[in-house]
Amino acid sequence: MARKFFENITHGDIEEIGKRLFTLHELYKCDAK
């Protein structure tokens, strides 16, 4: 089940997820100050 899910994730999807995580991290850092 999980393997099928990961096989369906493309490189573009990984980049999108990475950008969102980075954005959330940046927002969190700003809030933490």
PDB file of N, CA and C in Angstrom:
ATOM      1  N   MET A   1       0.848  -1.204   0.000  1.00  0.00           N
ATOM      2  CA  MET A   1       0.000   0.000   0.000  1.00  0.00           C
ATOM      3  C   MET A   1       0.883   1.254   0.000  1.00  0.00           C
ATOM      4  N   ALA A   2       1.757   1.338   0.981  1.00  0.00           N
ATOM      5  CA  ALA A   2       2.624   2.510   1.075  1.00  0.00           C
ATOM      6  C   ALA A   2       3.589   2.570  -0.113  1.00  0.00           C
ATOM      7  N   ARG A   3       4.077   1.399  -0.521  1.00  0.00           N
ATOM      8  CA  ARG A   3       5.013   1.367  -1.648  1.00  0.00           C
ATOM      9  C   ARG A   3       4.349   1.903  -2.905  1.00  0.00           C
ATOM     10  N   LYS A   4       3.112   1.512  -3.138  1.00  0.00           N
ATOM     11  CA  LYS A   4       2.368   1.994  -4.307  1.00  0.00           C
ATOM     12  C   LYS A   4       2.244   3.518  -4.249  1.00  0.00           C
ATOM     13  N   PHE A   5       1.956   4.022  -3.059  1.00  0.00           N
ATOM     14  CA  PHE A   5       1.827   5.461  -2.869  1.00  0.00           C
ATOM     15  C   PHE A   5       3.131   6.169  -3.234  1.00  0.00           C
ATOM     16  N   PHE A   6       4.238   5.653  -2.746  1.00  0.00           N
ATOM     17  CA  PHE A   6       5.526   6.295  -3.022  1.00  0.00           C
ATOM     18  C   PHE A   6       5.919   6.187  -4.488  1.00  0.00           C
ATOM     19  N   GLU A   7       5.543   5.072  -5.126  1.00  0.00           N
ATOM     20  CA  GLU A   7       5.845   4.926  -6.550  1.00  0.00           C
ATOM     21  C   GLU A   7       5.101   5.972  -7.370  1.00  0.00           C
ATOM     22  N   ASN A   8       3.945   6.409  -6.879  1.00  0.00           N
ATOM     23  CA  ASN A   8       3.143   7.386  -7.609  1.00  0.00           C
ATOM     24  C   ASN A   8       3.606   8.824  -7.382  1.00  0.00           C
ATOM     25  N   ILE A   9       4.510   9.027  -6.435  1.00  0.00           N
ATOM     26  CA  ILE A   9       5.021  10.382  -6.188  1.00  0.00           C
ATOM     27  C   ILE A   9       6.117  10.683  -7.206  1.00  0.00           C
ATOM     28  N   THR A  10       5.961  11.779  -7.905  1.00  0.00           N
ATOM     29  CA  THR A  10       6.960  12.167  -8.897  1.00  0.00           C
ATOM     30  C   THR A  10       7.969  13.113  -8.275  1.00  0.00           C
ATOM     31  N   HIS A  11       9.041  13.377  -9.006  1.00  0.00           N
ATOM     32  CA  HIS A  11      10.062  14.304  -8.518  1.00  0.00           C
ATOM     33  C   HIS A  11       9.459  15.691  -8.287  1.00  0.00           C
ATOM     34  N   GLY A  12       8.543  16.087  -9.178  1.00  0.00           N
ATOM     35  CA  GLY A  12       7.878  17.383  -9.031  1.00  0.00           C
ATOM     36  C   GLY A  12       7.085  17.462  -7.743  1.00  0.00           C
ATOM     37  N   ASP A  13       6.433  16.355  -7.384  1.00  0.00           N
ATOM     38  CA  ASP A  13       5.662  16.329  -6.136  1.00  0.00           C
ATOM     39  C   ASP A  13       6.593  16.508  -4.947  1.00  0.00           C
ATOM     40  N   ILE A  14       7.749  15.842  -4.997  1.00  0.00           N
ATOM     41  CA  ILE A  14       8.717  15.947  -3.906  1.00  0.00           C
ATOM     42  C   ILE A  14       9.190  17.392  -3.771  1.00  0.00           C
ATOM     43  N   GLU A  15       9.435  18.045  -4.892  1.00  0.00           N
ATOM     44  CA  GLU A  15       9.869  19.444  -4.860  1.00  0.00           C
ATOM     45  C   GLU A  15       8.790  20.324  -4.241  1.00  0.00           C
ATOM     46  N   GLU A  16       7.524  20.079  -4.624  1.00  0.00           N
ATOM     47  CA  GLU A  16       6.412  20.868  -4.071  1.00  0.00           C
ATOM     48  C   GLU A  16       6.321  20.685  -2.561  1.00  0.00           C
ATOM     49  N   ILE A  17       6.409  19.434  -2.125  1.00  0.00           N
ATOM     50  CA  ILE A  17       6.341  19.145  -0.682  1.00  0.00           C
ATOM     51  C   ILE A  17       7.507  19.832   0.026  1.00  0.00           C
ATOM     52  N   GLY A  18       8.687  19.762  -0.583  1.00  0.00           N
ATOM     53  CA  GLY A  18       9.864  20.397   0.002  1.00  0.00           C
ATOM     54  C   GLY A  18       9.688  21.899   0.149  1.00  0.00           C
ATOM     55  N   LYS A  19       9.129  22.532  -0.872  1.00  0.00           N
ATOM     56  CA  LYS A  19       8.904  23.982  -0.823  1.00  0.00           C
ATOM     57  C   LYS A  19       7.924  24.334   0.287  1.00  0.00           C
ATOM     58  N   ARG A  20       6.865  23.531   0.424  1.00  0.00           N
ATOM     59  CA  ARG A  20       5.868  23.811   1.461  1.00  0.00           C
ATOM     60  C   ARG A  20       6.448  23.622   2.843  1.00  0.00           C
ATOM     61  N   LEU A  21       7.236  22.566   3.023  1.00  0.00           N
ATOM     62  CA  LEU A  21       7.866  22.329   4.327  1.00  0.00           C
ATOM     63  C   LEU A  21       8.821  23.475   4.645  1.00  0.00           C
ATOM     64  N   PHE A  22       9.590  23.914   3.644  1.00  0.00           N
ATOM     65  CA  PHE A  22      10.533  25.013   3.843  1.00  0.00           C
ATOM     66  C   PHE A  22       9.790  26.284   4.232  1.00  0.00           C
ATOM     67  N   THR A  23       8.667  26.560   3.543  1.00  0.00           N
ATOM     68  CA  THR A  23       7.871  27.747   3.844  1.00  0.00           C
ATOM     69  C   THR A  23       7.322  27.690   5.266  1.00  0.00           C
ATOM     70  N   LEU A  24       6.797  26.526   5.650  1.00  0.00           N
ATOM     71  CA  LEU A  24       6.280  26.362   7.014  1.00  0.00           C
ATOM     72  C   LEU A  24       7.394  26.567   8.022  1.00  0.00           C
ATOM     73  N   HIS A  25       8.571  26.046   7.725  1.00  0.00           N
ATOM     74  CA  HIS A  25       9.722  26.184   8.618  1.00  0.00           C
ATOM     75  C   HIS A  25      10.105  27.652   8.772  1.00  0.00           C
ATOM     76  N   GLU A  26      10.118  28.385   7.664  1.00  0.00           N
ATOM     77  CA  GLU A  26      10.452  29.816   7.698  1.00  0.00           C
ATOM     78  C   GLU A  26       9.413  30.584   8.506  1.00  0.00           C
ATOM     79  N   LEU A  27       8.132  30.265   8.315  1.00  0.00           N
ATOM     80  CA  LEU A  27       7.075  30.942   9.073  1.00  0.00           C
ATOM     81  C   LEU A  27       7.219  30.649  10.557  1.00  0.00           C
ATOM     82  N   TYR A  28       7.551  29.398  10.875  1.00  0.00           N
ATOM     83  CA  TYR A  28       7.722  28.994  12.269  1.00  0.00           C
ATOM     84  C   TYR A  28       8.877  29.754  12.905  1.00  0.00           C
ATOM     85  N   LYS A  29       9.990  29.888  12.155  1.00  0.00           N
ATOM     86  CA  LYS A  29      11.147  30.611  12.674  1.00  0.00           C
ATOM     87  C   LYS A  29      10.777  32.067  12.966  1.00  0.00           C
ATOM     88  N   CYS A  30       9.987  32.678  12.065  1.00  0.00           N
ATOM     89  CA  CYS A  30       9.579  34.073  12.248  1.00  0.00           C
ATOM     90  C   CYS A  30       8.697  34.196  13.487  1.00  0.00           C
ATOM     91  N   ASP A  31       7.786  33.245  13.683  1.00  0.00           N
ATOM     92  CA  ASP A  31       6.893  33.288  14.838  1.00  0.00           C
ATOM     93  C   ASP A  31       7.648  33.053  16.140  1.00  0.00           C
ATOM     94  N   ALA A  32       8.709  32.254  16.076  1.00  0.00           N
ATOM     95  CA  ALA A  32       9.447  31.880  17.283  1.00  0.00           C
ATOM     96  C   ALA A  32      10.253  33.051  17.847  1.00  0.00           C
ATOM     97  N   LYS A  33      10.588  34.007  16.982  1.00  0.00           N
ATOM     98  CA  LYS A  33      11.411  35.141  17.436  1.00  0.00           C
ATOM     99  C   LYS A  33      10.661  36.014  18.433  1.00  0.00           C
TER     100      LYS A  33
END
